[in-house]
Amino acid sequence: MSTTDLGKAGEIEAAKRFKAEGYRILDSNWRCKIGEIDLVLLKDGLLVFAEVKTRRAGTGFEPEESVTPTKAARLRRLAGAYLAAHPWLEGLECRFDVVCARVLGGRITVNVIENAF
């Protein structure tokens, strides 16, 4: 499985997890000139911007280690751009989650770190 396929598989599993918890997916892989937001979700008036990181188990690197302060700052700017493009969502409470997807033996497990930054 290529790294692109691995990442996509992690995003699919993350979306399934959020849906099972009652979230509505507003966008996936939303892009603008400054970057991309993996998942934008809505539940009970809470808007969630989720960054999905997928890693093979046993690599020595945890998925959440990829979300550096620089990456977090970019995601905040992206959220601002998303809200500017979707003004009817402004005023909602927002949260930034990091989704850690780990692949072991062809199986993907997903852990969500809510309010990661």
Protein backbone atom coordinates (compact mmCIF):
# COMPACT_ATOMS: atom_id res chain seq x y z
CA MET A 1 0.00 0.00 0.00
CA SER A 2 1.45 3.37 -1.03
CA THR A 3 1.64 6.24 1.45
CA THR A 4 -1.14 8.00 -0.50
CA ASP A 5 -3.37 4.93 -0.21
CA LEU A 6 -2.44 4.56 3.45
CA GLY A 7 -3.43 8.16 4.16
CA LYS A 8 -6.71 7.82 2.29
CA ALA A 9 -7.53 4.62 4.20
CA GLY A 10 -6.91 6.45 7.48
CA GLU A 11 -9.20 9.29 6.44
CA ILE A 12 -11.96 6.84 5.50
CA GLU A 13 -11.73 5.12 8.88
CA ALA A 14 -11.71 8.48 10.66
CA ALA A 15 -14.84 9.56 8.78
CA LYS A 16 -16.57 6.29 9.73
CA ARG A 17 -15.69 6.86 13.37
CA PHE A 18 -17.03 10.41 13.40
CA LYS A 19 -20.23 9.37 11.57
CA ALA A 20 -20.79 6.58 14.11
CA GLU A 21 -20.54 9.21 16.86
CA GLY A 22 -23.23 11.35 15.22
CA TYR A 23 -21.09 13.91 13.40
CA ARG A 24 -22.13 15.22 10.00
CA ILE A 25 -19.29 15.47 7.49
CA LEU A 26 -19.43 18.88 5.85
CA ASP A 27 -16.24 18.46 3.82
CA SER A 28 -13.35 16.12 3.29
CA ASN A 29 -10.06 17.19 1.75
CA TRP A 30 -11.23 20.80 1.49
CA ARG A 31 -8.57 22.79 -0.34
CA CYS A 32 -7.68 26.41 -0.79
CA LYS A 33 -4.51 28.26 -1.75
CA ILE A 34 -2.90 27.80 1.68
CA GLY A 35 -3.52 24.09 2.09
CA GLU A 36 -6.03 21.38 2.90
CA ILE A 37 -8.30 20.39 5.77
CA ASP A 38 -8.78 16.63 6.02
CA LEU A 39 -12.25 16.63 7.60
CA VAL A 40 -14.73 19.33 8.57
CA LEU A 41 -17.50 18.04 10.81
CA LEU A 42 -20.57 19.36 12.58
CA LYS A 43 -22.41 18.06 15.62
CA ASP A 44 -24.79 19.90 17.94
CA GLY A 45 -23.57 23.33 16.87
CA LEU A 46 -19.90 22.38 17.24
CA LEU A 47 -17.69 22.72 14.17
CA VAL A 48 -14.71 20.35 14.17
CA PHE A 49 -11.63 20.67 11.98
CA ALA A 50 -9.84 17.33 11.99
CA GLU A 51 -6.31 16.54 10.88
CA VAL A 52 -5.85 12.85 10.12
CA LYS A 53 -2.40 11.30 10.45
CA THR A 54 -1.90 7.67 9.47
CA ARG A 55 1.17 5.59 10.27
CA ARG A 56 2.13 1.96 10.08
CA ALA A 57 2.57 0.50 13.56
CA GLY A 58 6.14 -0.18 14.60
CA THR A 59 7.76 2.65 12.63
CA GLY A 60 8.92 4.40 15.79
CA PHE A 61 6.86 7.51 15.01
CA GLU A 62 3.42 8.16 16.42
CA PRO A 63 0.90 9.87 14.11
CA GLU A 64 0.36 12.82 16.44
CA GLU A 65 4.07 13.67 16.34
CA SER A 66 3.48 14.96 12.80
CA VAL A 67 1.30 17.81 14.03
CA THR A 68 3.92 20.38 14.89
CA PRO A 69 3.20 23.91 16.14
CA THR A 70 3.75 25.10 12.56
CA LYS A 71 1.17 22.61 11.26
CA ALA A 72 -1.29 23.61 14.00
CA ALA A 73 -0.89 27.28 13.07
CA ARG A 74 -1.55 26.46 9.42
CA LEU A 75 -4.70 24.53 10.36
CA ARG A 76 -5.95 27.54 12.31
CA ARG A 77 -5.40 29.73 9.24
CA LEU A 78 -7.15 27.13 7.09
CA ALA A 79 -10.11 27.12 9.48
CA GLY A 80 -10.33 30.90 9.07
CA ALA A 81 -10.31 30.51 5.31
CA TYR A 82 -12.99 27.82 5.55
CA LEU A 83 -15.20 30.07 7.66
CA ALA A 84 -14.67 32.95 5.23
CA ALA A 85 -15.81 30.69 2.40
CA HIS A 86 -18.78 29.44 4.47
CA PRO A 87 -20.02 32.54 6.34
CA TRP A 88 -23.21 30.83 7.56
CA LEU A 89 -20.98 28.76 9.89
CA GLU A 90 -19.37 31.77 11.57
CA GLY A 91 -20.24 32.11 15.23
CA LEU A 92 -20.22 28.37 15.87
CA GLU A 93 -17.93 26.98 18.53
CA CYS A 94 -14.88 25.39 16.87
CA ARG A 95 -12.58 22.57 17.89
CA PHE A 96 -9.39 21.18 16.39
CA ASP A 97 -8.93 17.41 16.60
CA VAL A 98 -6.04 15.21 15.59
CA VAL A 99 -6.99 11.75 14.42
CA CYS A 100 -4.29 9.12 14.91
CA ALA A 101 -4.78 6.18 12.58
CA ARG A 102 -2.46 3.22 13.03
CA VAL A 103 -2.14 0.32 10.62
CA LEU A 104 -1.16 -3.09 11.91
CA GLY A 105 -1.63 -6.28 9.95
CA GLY A 106 -3.98 -4.68 7.46
CA ARG A 107 -6.25 -3.37 10.22
CA ILE A 108 -6.62 0.35 10.99
CA THR A 109 -7.32 1.59 14.49
CA VAL A 110 -8.37 5.19 15.08
CA ASN A 111 -7.84 7.35 18.14
CA VAL A 112 -9.17 10.91 18.27
CA ILE A 113 -7.42 13.58 20.30
CA GLU A 114 -10.10 16.20 20.86
CA ASN A 115 -9.07 19.82 21.35
CA ALA A 116 -5.55 18.88 20.33
CA PHE A 117 -4.51 22.53 20.02
